[in-house]
N, C-alpha and C. Protein backbone atom coordinates (compact mmCIF):
# COMPACT_ATOMS: atom_id res chain seq x y z
N UNK A 1 18.33 34.74 25.14
CA UNK A 1 18.70 33.41 25.14
C UNK A 1 18.10 32.28 25.69
N UNK A 2 16.83 32.49 26.03
CA UNK A 2 15.57 31.40 26.21
C UNK A 2 15.14 31.20 24.58
N UNK A 3 15.28 31.84 23.89
CA UNK A 3 15.04 31.61 22.39
C UNK A 3 15.80 30.66 22.12
N UNK A 4 17.50 30.55 22.05
CA UNK A 4 18.11 30.12 21.73
C UNK A 4 18.17 28.53 22.23
N UNK A 5 17.70 28.52 23.38
CA UNK A 5 17.71 27.16 24.04
C UNK A 5 16.42 26.27 23.16
N UNK A 6 15.40 27.09 23.08
CA UNK A 6 14.20 26.15 22.24
C UNK A 6 14.72 26.02 20.88
N UNK A 7 15.63 26.21 20.20
CA UNK A 7 16.02 25.80 19.05
C UNK A 7 16.74 24.10 18.87
N UNK A 8 17.18 24.10 20.17
CA UNK A 8 17.87 22.96 20.16
C UNK A 8 16.99 21.74 20.74
N UNK A 9 15.57 21.97 21.07
CA UNK A 9 14.54 21.10 21.91
C UNK A 9 14.39 19.80 20.83
N UNK A 10 14.05 20.45 19.62
CA UNK A 10 13.57 19.51 18.65
C UNK A 10 14.71 18.47 18.03
N UNK A 11 15.94 18.96 18.36
CA UNK A 11 16.95 18.04 17.48
C UNK A 11 17.31 16.88 19.02
N UNK A 12 17.25 17.60 20.15
CA UNK A 12 17.67 16.63 21.27
C UNK A 12 16.54 15.58 21.11
N UNK A 13 15.23 16.11 21.09
CA UNK A 13 14.05 15.02 21.19
C UNK A 13 14.30 13.90 20.26
N UNK A 14 14.53 14.17 18.91
CA UNK A 14 14.73 13.36 17.77
C UNK A 14 16.21 12.43 18.31
N UNK A 15 17.04 12.81 18.80
CA UNK A 15 18.13 12.07 19.11
C UNK A 15 17.95 11.23 20.18
N UNK A 16 17.43 11.32 21.08
CA UNK A 16 16.95 10.66 22.38
C UNK A 16 15.91 9.25 21.84
N UNK A 17 14.99 10.22 21.15
CA UNK A 17 13.86 8.96 20.57
C UNK A 17 14.24 7.75 19.76
N UNK A 18 15.26 8.26 18.61
CA UNK A 18 15.75 7.40 17.83
C UNK A 18 16.79 6.37 18.39
N UNK A 19 17.49 6.98 19.50
CA UNK A 19 18.64 5.90 20.23
C UNK A 19 18.00 5.13 21.20
N UNK A 20 16.87 5.57 21.73
CA UNK A 20 15.97 4.82 22.68
C UNK A 20 15.41 3.95 22.07
N UNK A 21 14.66 4.06 20.57
CA UNK A 21 14.03 3.00 20.11
C UNK A 21 15.23 1.95 19.55
N UNK A 22 16.28 2.75 19.11
CA UNK A 22 17.03 1.59 18.28
C UNK A 22 17.68 0.27 19.63
N UNK A 23 17.58 1.01 20.86
CA UNK A 23 18.17 -0.07 22.13
C UNK A 23 16.86 -0.89 22.65
N UNK A 24 15.99 -0.18 22.54
CA UNK A 24 14.97 -0.76 23.12
C UNK A 24 14.18 -2.01 22.04
N UNK A 25 14.20 -1.47 20.63
CA UNK A 25 13.77 -2.40 19.41
C UNK A 25 14.77 -3.04 18.96
N UNK A 26 16.23 -3.30 19.29
CA UNK A 26 16.96 -3.93 18.45
C UNK A 26 16.68 -4.97 18.05
N UNK A 27 16.16 -5.93 18.79
CA UNK A 27 15.74 -7.33 18.19
C UNK A 27 14.93 -7.29 17.07
N UNK A 28 13.80 -6.36 16.98
CA UNK A 28 13.00 -6.06 15.81
C UNK A 28 13.99 -5.29 14.74
N UNK A 29 14.53 -4.37 15.02
CA UNK A 29 15.40 -3.96 13.83
C UNK A 29 16.60 -5.19 13.06
N UNK A 30 16.75 -6.13 13.77
CA UNK A 30 17.75 -6.97 13.73
C UNK A 30 16.71 -8.13 12.78
N UNK A 31 15.65 -8.12 12.96
CA UNK A 31 14.42 -9.10 12.27
C UNK A 31 14.61 -8.55 10.87
N UNK A 32 14.79 -7.19 10.87
CA UNK A 32 14.41 -6.56 9.57
C UNK A 32 15.93 -6.15 8.76
N UNK A 33 16.80 -6.86 9.36
CA UNK A 33 18.32 -6.86 8.64
C UNK A 33 18.71 -5.40 8.92
N UNK A 34 18.33 -4.71 9.93
CA UNK A 34 19.13 -3.32 10.10
C UNK A 34 20.08 -3.47 11.58
N UNK A 35 21.00 -3.31 11.29
CA UNK A 35 21.94 -3.38 12.61
C UNK A 35 21.56 -1.91 13.47
N UNK A 36 21.45 -2.12 14.61
CA UNK A 36 21.25 -1.17 15.50
C UNK A 36 22.19 -0.21 15.73
N UNK A 37 23.40 -0.83 15.57
CA UNK A 37 24.70 0.11 15.99
C UNK A 37 24.94 1.04 15.03
N UNK A 38 24.69 0.71 13.66
CA UNK A 38 24.79 1.67 12.50
C UNK A 38 23.78 2.87 12.60
N UNK A 39 22.47 2.24 12.84
CA UNK A 39 21.52 3.40 13.02
C UNK A 39 22.09 4.39 14.48
N UNK A 40 22.51 3.84 15.32
CA UNK A 40 22.96 4.74 16.66
C UNK A 40 24.20 5.54 16.11
N UNK A 41 25.12 5.28 15.27
CA UNK A 41 26.42 5.86 15.10
C UNK A 41 25.76 7.02 14.24
N UNK A 42 25.03 6.48 12.90
CA UNK A 42 24.41 7.62 12.16
C UNK A 42 23.81 8.52 12.95
N UNK A 43 23.10 8.21 13.91
CA UNK A 43 21.99 9.09 14.78
C UNK A 43 23.27 10.26 15.24
N UNK A 44 24.09 9.74 15.87
CA UNK A 44 24.73 10.55 16.79
C UNK A 44 25.68 11.81 15.69
N UNK A 45 26.17 11.08 14.46
CA UNK A 45 26.77 11.97 13.56
C UNK A 45 26.01 12.98 12.87
N UNK A 46 24.59 12.40 12.94
CA UNK A 46 23.67 13.51 12.29
C UNK A 46 23.46 14.68 13.62
N UNK A 47 23.06 13.93 14.54
CA UNK A 47 22.77 15.17 15.70
C UNK A 47 23.90 15.99 16.03
N UNK A 48 25.23 15.62 15.91
CA UNK A 48 26.30 16.30 16.35
C UNK A 48 26.40 17.55 15.15
N UNK A 49 26.27 16.97 13.86
CA UNK A 49 26.34 18.02 12.60
C UNK A 49 25.17 19.00 12.88
N UNK A 50 24.20 18.50 13.17
CA UNK A 50 22.77 19.66 13.09
C UNK A 50 22.91 20.53 14.35
N UNK A 51 23.44 20.03 15.63
CA UNK A 51 24.02 21.12 16.48
C UNK A 51 24.66 22.25 15.89
N UNK A 52 25.69 21.69 15.35
CA UNK A 52 26.74 22.57 14.63
C UNK A 52 26.01 23.70 13.75
N UNK A 53 25.27 23.10 12.99
CA UNK A 53 24.40 23.86 11.79
C UNK A 53 23.54 24.92 12.58
N UNK A 54 22.71 24.35 13.48
CA UNK A 54 21.80 25.38 14.42
C UNK A 54 22.73 26.55 14.84
N UNK A 55 23.74 26.18 15.47
CA UNK A 55 24.54 27.53 15.88
C UNK A 55 24.71 28.31 14.84
N UNK A 56 25.23 27.64 13.67
CA UNK A 56 25.79 28.53 12.08
C UNK A 56 24.41 29.13 11.95
N UNK A 57 23.25 28.58 12.18
CA UNK A 57 22.08 29.41 11.54
C UNK A 57 21.67 30.76 12.22
N UNK A 58 21.71 30.16 13.71
CA UNK A 58 21.45 31.54 14.68
C UNK A 58 22.73 32.52 14.48
N UNK A 59 23.51 32.35 13.89
CA UNK A 59 24.82 33.20 13.63
C UNK A 59 24.77 34.06 12.49
N UNK A 60 24.08 33.32 11.33
CA UNK A 60 23.42 33.90 10.03
C UNK A 60 22.32 34.66 10.11
N UNK A 61 21.64 34.87 10.83
CA UNK A 61 20.40 35.39 10.95
C UNK A 61 20.68 36.64 11.51
N UNK A 62 21.64 36.94 12.49
CA UNK A 62 22.55 38.10 12.93
C UNK A 62 22.43 39.62 11.81
N UNK A 63 22.91 39.45 10.73
CA UNK A 63 23.16 40.35 9.87
C UNK A 63 21.82 40.67 9.37
N UNK A 64 21.82 41.65 8.28
CA UNK A 64 20.86 42.03 7.59
C UNK A 64 20.76 41.67 6.29
N UNK A 65 21.83 41.25 6.02
CA UNK A 65 22.01 40.41 4.61
C UNK A 65 21.10 38.78 4.70
N UNK A 66 19.67 38.96 3.65
CA UNK A 66 19.05 37.85 3.48
C UNK A 66 19.85 36.59 3.05
N UNK A 67 20.85 36.99 2.08
CA UNK A 67 21.60 35.89 1.48
C UNK A 67 22.40 35.23 2.58
N UNK A 68 22.86 35.92 3.46
CA UNK A 68 23.93 35.05 4.50
C UNK A 68 23.10 33.66 5.18
N UNK A 69 21.51 34.19 5.24
CA UNK A 69 21.12 32.88 5.87
C UNK A 69 20.91 31.87 5.04
N UNK A 70 20.58 32.44 3.61
CA UNK A 70 20.54 31.43 2.46
C UNK A 70 21.61 30.81 2.42
N UNK A 71 22.92 31.03 2.26
CA UNK A 71 24.04 30.27 2.37
C UNK A 71 24.32 29.44 3.48
N UNK A 72 23.96 30.01 4.61
CA UNK A 72 24.18 29.41 5.43
C UNK A 72 23.42 28.17 5.68
N UNK A 73 22.10 27.96 5.12
CA UNK A 73 21.06 26.70 5.35
C UNK A 73 21.94 25.82 3.93
N UNK A 74 22.24 26.54 2.83
CA UNK A 74 22.78 25.80 1.80
C UNK A 74 24.15 24.94 2.12
N UNK A 75 24.92 25.79 3.00
CA UNK A 75 26.31 25.34 2.94
C UNK A 75 26.14 23.94 4.62
N UNK A 76 25.24 24.10 5.39
CA UNK A 76 25.02 23.44 6.27
C UNK A 76 24.70 22.18 5.59
N UNK A 77 23.75 22.24 4.78
CA UNK A 77 22.81 20.97 4.00
C UNK A 77 24.06 20.44 3.26
N UNK A 78 24.97 20.77 2.49
CA UNK A 78 26.21 20.38 1.59
C UNK A 78 27.05 19.95 2.73
N UNK A 79 27.53 20.18 3.57
CA UNK A 79 28.23 19.92 4.76
C UNK A 79 28.07 18.52 5.29
N UNK A 80 26.50 18.49 5.62
CA UNK A 80 26.25 17.30 6.50
C UNK A 80 26.17 16.40 5.24
N UNK A 81 25.66 16.48 4.06
CA UNK A 81 25.76 15.55 2.87
C UNK A 81 27.13 14.91 2.65
N UNK A 82 28.23 15.93 2.56
CA UNK A 82 29.78 15.45 2.65
C UNK A 82 30.16 14.49 3.89
N UNK A 83 29.78 14.99 4.61
CA UNK A 83 30.48 14.51 5.93
C UNK A 83 29.55 13.09 5.89
N UNK A 84 28.28 12.85 5.95
CA UNK A 84 28.03 11.55 6.00
C UNK A 84 27.89 10.71 4.83
N UNK A 85 28.03 11.14 3.65
CA UNK A 85 28.63 10.52 2.20
C UNK A 85 30.12 9.61 2.15
N UNK A 86 30.75 10.60 3.39
CA UNK A 86 32.23 10.22 3.51
C UNK A 86 31.90 9.14 4.45
N UNK A 87 31.47 9.17 5.69
CA UNK A 87 31.13 8.34 6.38
C UNK A 87 30.63 6.90 6.24
N UNK A 88 29.48 6.95 5.12
CA UNK A 88 28.86 5.82 4.52
C UNK A 88 30.18 5.13 3.74
N UNK A 89 30.67 6.01 3.06
CA UNK A 89 31.67 5.28 1.98
C UNK A 89 33.02 4.30 2.89
N UNK A 90 33.29 5.00 3.83
CA UNK A 90 34.20 4.57 4.61
C UNK A 90 33.93 3.32 5.34
N UNK A 91 32.37 3.34 5.76
CA UNK A 91 31.82 2.43 6.27
C UNK A 91 31.90 0.95 5.27
N UNK A 92 31.41 1.35 4.39
CA UNK A 92 31.31 0.29 3.36
C UNK A 92 32.62 -0.17 2.72
N UNK A 93 33.43 0.44 2.70
CA UNK A 93 34.86 0.47 2.37
C UNK A 93 35.48 -0.66 3.43
N UNK A 94 35.23 -0.44 4.68
CA UNK A 94 35.98 -1.03 5.67
C UNK A 94 35.38 -2.35 6.21
N UNK A 95 33.71 -2.31 6.07
CA UNK A 95 32.94 -3.44 6.51
C UNK A 95 32.88 -4.57 5.83
N UNK A 96 33.49 -4.63 4.34
CA UNK A 96 34.02 -6.10 3.74
C UNK A 96 32.24 -6.98 3.66
N UNK A 97 32.19 -7.92 3.89
CA UNK A 97 31.17 -8.72 3.85
C UNK A 97 29.96 -8.25 4.97
N UNK A 98 30.43 -7.86 6.21
CA UNK A 98 29.25 -7.54 6.83
C UNK A 98 28.76 -6.44 7.01
N UNK A 99 28.90 -5.72 5.91
CA UNK A 99 28.08 -4.32 5.66
C UNK A 99 26.47 -4.49 5.66
N UNK A 100 25.94 -3.57 5.97
CA UNK A 100 24.40 -3.56 6.49
C UNK A 100 23.86 -2.61 5.55
N UNK A 101 23.10 -2.92 4.41
CA UNK A 101 22.69 -1.93 3.51
C UNK A 101 21.51 -1.66 4.06
N UNK A 102 20.45 -2.31 4.51
CA UNK A 102 19.75 -1.61 5.38
C UNK A 102 19.73 -0.65 6.64
N UNK A 103 20.56 -0.90 7.39
CA UNK A 103 20.67 0.23 8.02
C UNK A 103 21.29 1.35 7.51
N UNK A 104 22.17 1.43 6.24
CA UNK A 104 22.54 2.72 5.36
C UNK A 104 21.00 3.52 5.22
N UNK A 105 20.33 2.69 4.63
CA UNK A 105 18.88 3.20 4.19
C UNK A 105 18.19 3.62 5.27
N UNK A 106 18.03 3.02 6.54
CA UNK A 106 17.39 3.61 7.35
C UNK A 106 18.33 5.00 7.55
N UNK A 107 19.48 5.23 7.97
CA UNK A 107 20.10 6.23 8.23
C UNK A 107 19.88 7.49 7.22
N UNK A 108 19.72 7.19 5.97
CA UNK A 108 19.22 8.30 5.05
C UNK A 108 18.00 8.72 5.12
N UNK A 109 16.97 7.82 5.85
CA UNK A 109 15.70 8.41 6.56
C UNK A 109 15.90 9.50 7.30
N UNK A 110 16.62 9.29 8.33
CA UNK A 110 17.04 10.09 9.16
C UNK A 110 17.93 11.07 8.95
N UNK A 111 18.72 10.93 7.90
CA UNK A 111 19.27 12.09 7.35
C UNK A 111 18.23 13.30 6.73
N UNK A 112 17.21 12.62 5.88
CA UNK A 112 16.26 13.35 5.54
C UNK A 112 15.41 14.22 6.77
N UNK A 113 15.03 13.63 7.69
CA UNK A 113 14.21 14.36 9.20
C UNK A 113 15.17 14.96 9.42
N UNK A 114 16.62 14.65 10.03
CA UNK A 114 17.53 15.82 10.59
C UNK A 114 17.62 17.36 9.35
N UNK A 115 17.47 17.09 8.15
CA UNK A 115 17.79 17.99 7.19
C UNK A 115 16.45 18.71 7.24
N UNK A 116 15.66 18.16 7.40
CA UNK A 116 14.34 18.99 7.38
C UNK A 116 13.97 19.57 8.66
N UNK A 117 14.63 19.06 9.67
CA UNK A 117 14.64 19.85 11.35
C UNK A 117 15.44 21.03 10.68
N UNK A 118 16.61 21.14 10.23
CA UNK A 118 17.47 22.07 10.29
C UNK A 118 16.78 22.88 9.52
N UNK A 119 16.30 22.83 8.15
CA UNK A 119 15.62 23.97 7.58
C UNK A 119 14.59 24.18 8.27
N UNK A 120 13.68 23.71 8.92
CA UNK A 120 12.56 24.53 9.86
C UNK A 120 12.86 25.09 10.79
N UNK A 121 14.11 24.69 11.42
CA UNK A 121 14.62 25.96 12.56
C UNK A 121 15.12 26.94 11.91
N UNK A 122 15.89 27.06 10.89
CA UNK A 122 16.40 28.17 10.07
C UNK A 122 15.01 29.08 9.90
N UNK A 123 14.44 28.51 9.04
CA UNK A 123 13.14 29.11 8.68
C UNK A 123 12.15 29.93 10.20
N UNK A 124 12.08 29.05 11.02
CA UNK A 124 11.22 29.77 12.09
C UNK A 124 11.98 30.47 12.99
N UNK A 125 13.36 30.42 12.92
CA UNK A 125 14.45 31.34 13.95
C UNK A 125 14.16 33.00 14.09
N UNK A 126 14.19 33.30 14.67
CA UNK A 126 14.13 34.60 14.99
C UNK A 126 15.44 35.56 14.68
N UNK A 127 15.64 36.69 14.08
CA UNK A 127 17.19 37.46 13.88
C UNK A 127 17.32 37.77 15.32
N UNK A 128 18.32 37.69 15.72
CA UNK A 128 19.09 38.22 16.31
C UNK A 128 19.38 39.75 16.48
N UNK A 129 18.72 40.74 17.53
CA UNK A 129 18.76 42.18 17.46
C UNK A 129 19.86 43.00 18.53
């Protein structure tokens, strides 16, 4: 059980650090035309999806079929892409003139970071016996 708790530590650290930086340096982000609220919402969505993915990765490692883990990693990446793509589309559609493109690009960088963490967690995880 201790091993399972260690899986979530990098995700929680990235979530907390990004949100703290967005709150503390919000004026600098605004000077770069990045809305800290867009970054915070995107970070929260990414964190929640990554937690779900980590749980699914731990479940996928239990069977002896190695294809199950590969399907789990690929499925979680596609899930994250579709959920965040839909969220970005809805944001752009509803924001109108107030849309923040720089915030979306920053969020895309966060997407890459969380995806890298998900794959790293899946590859470094130990199968449950």
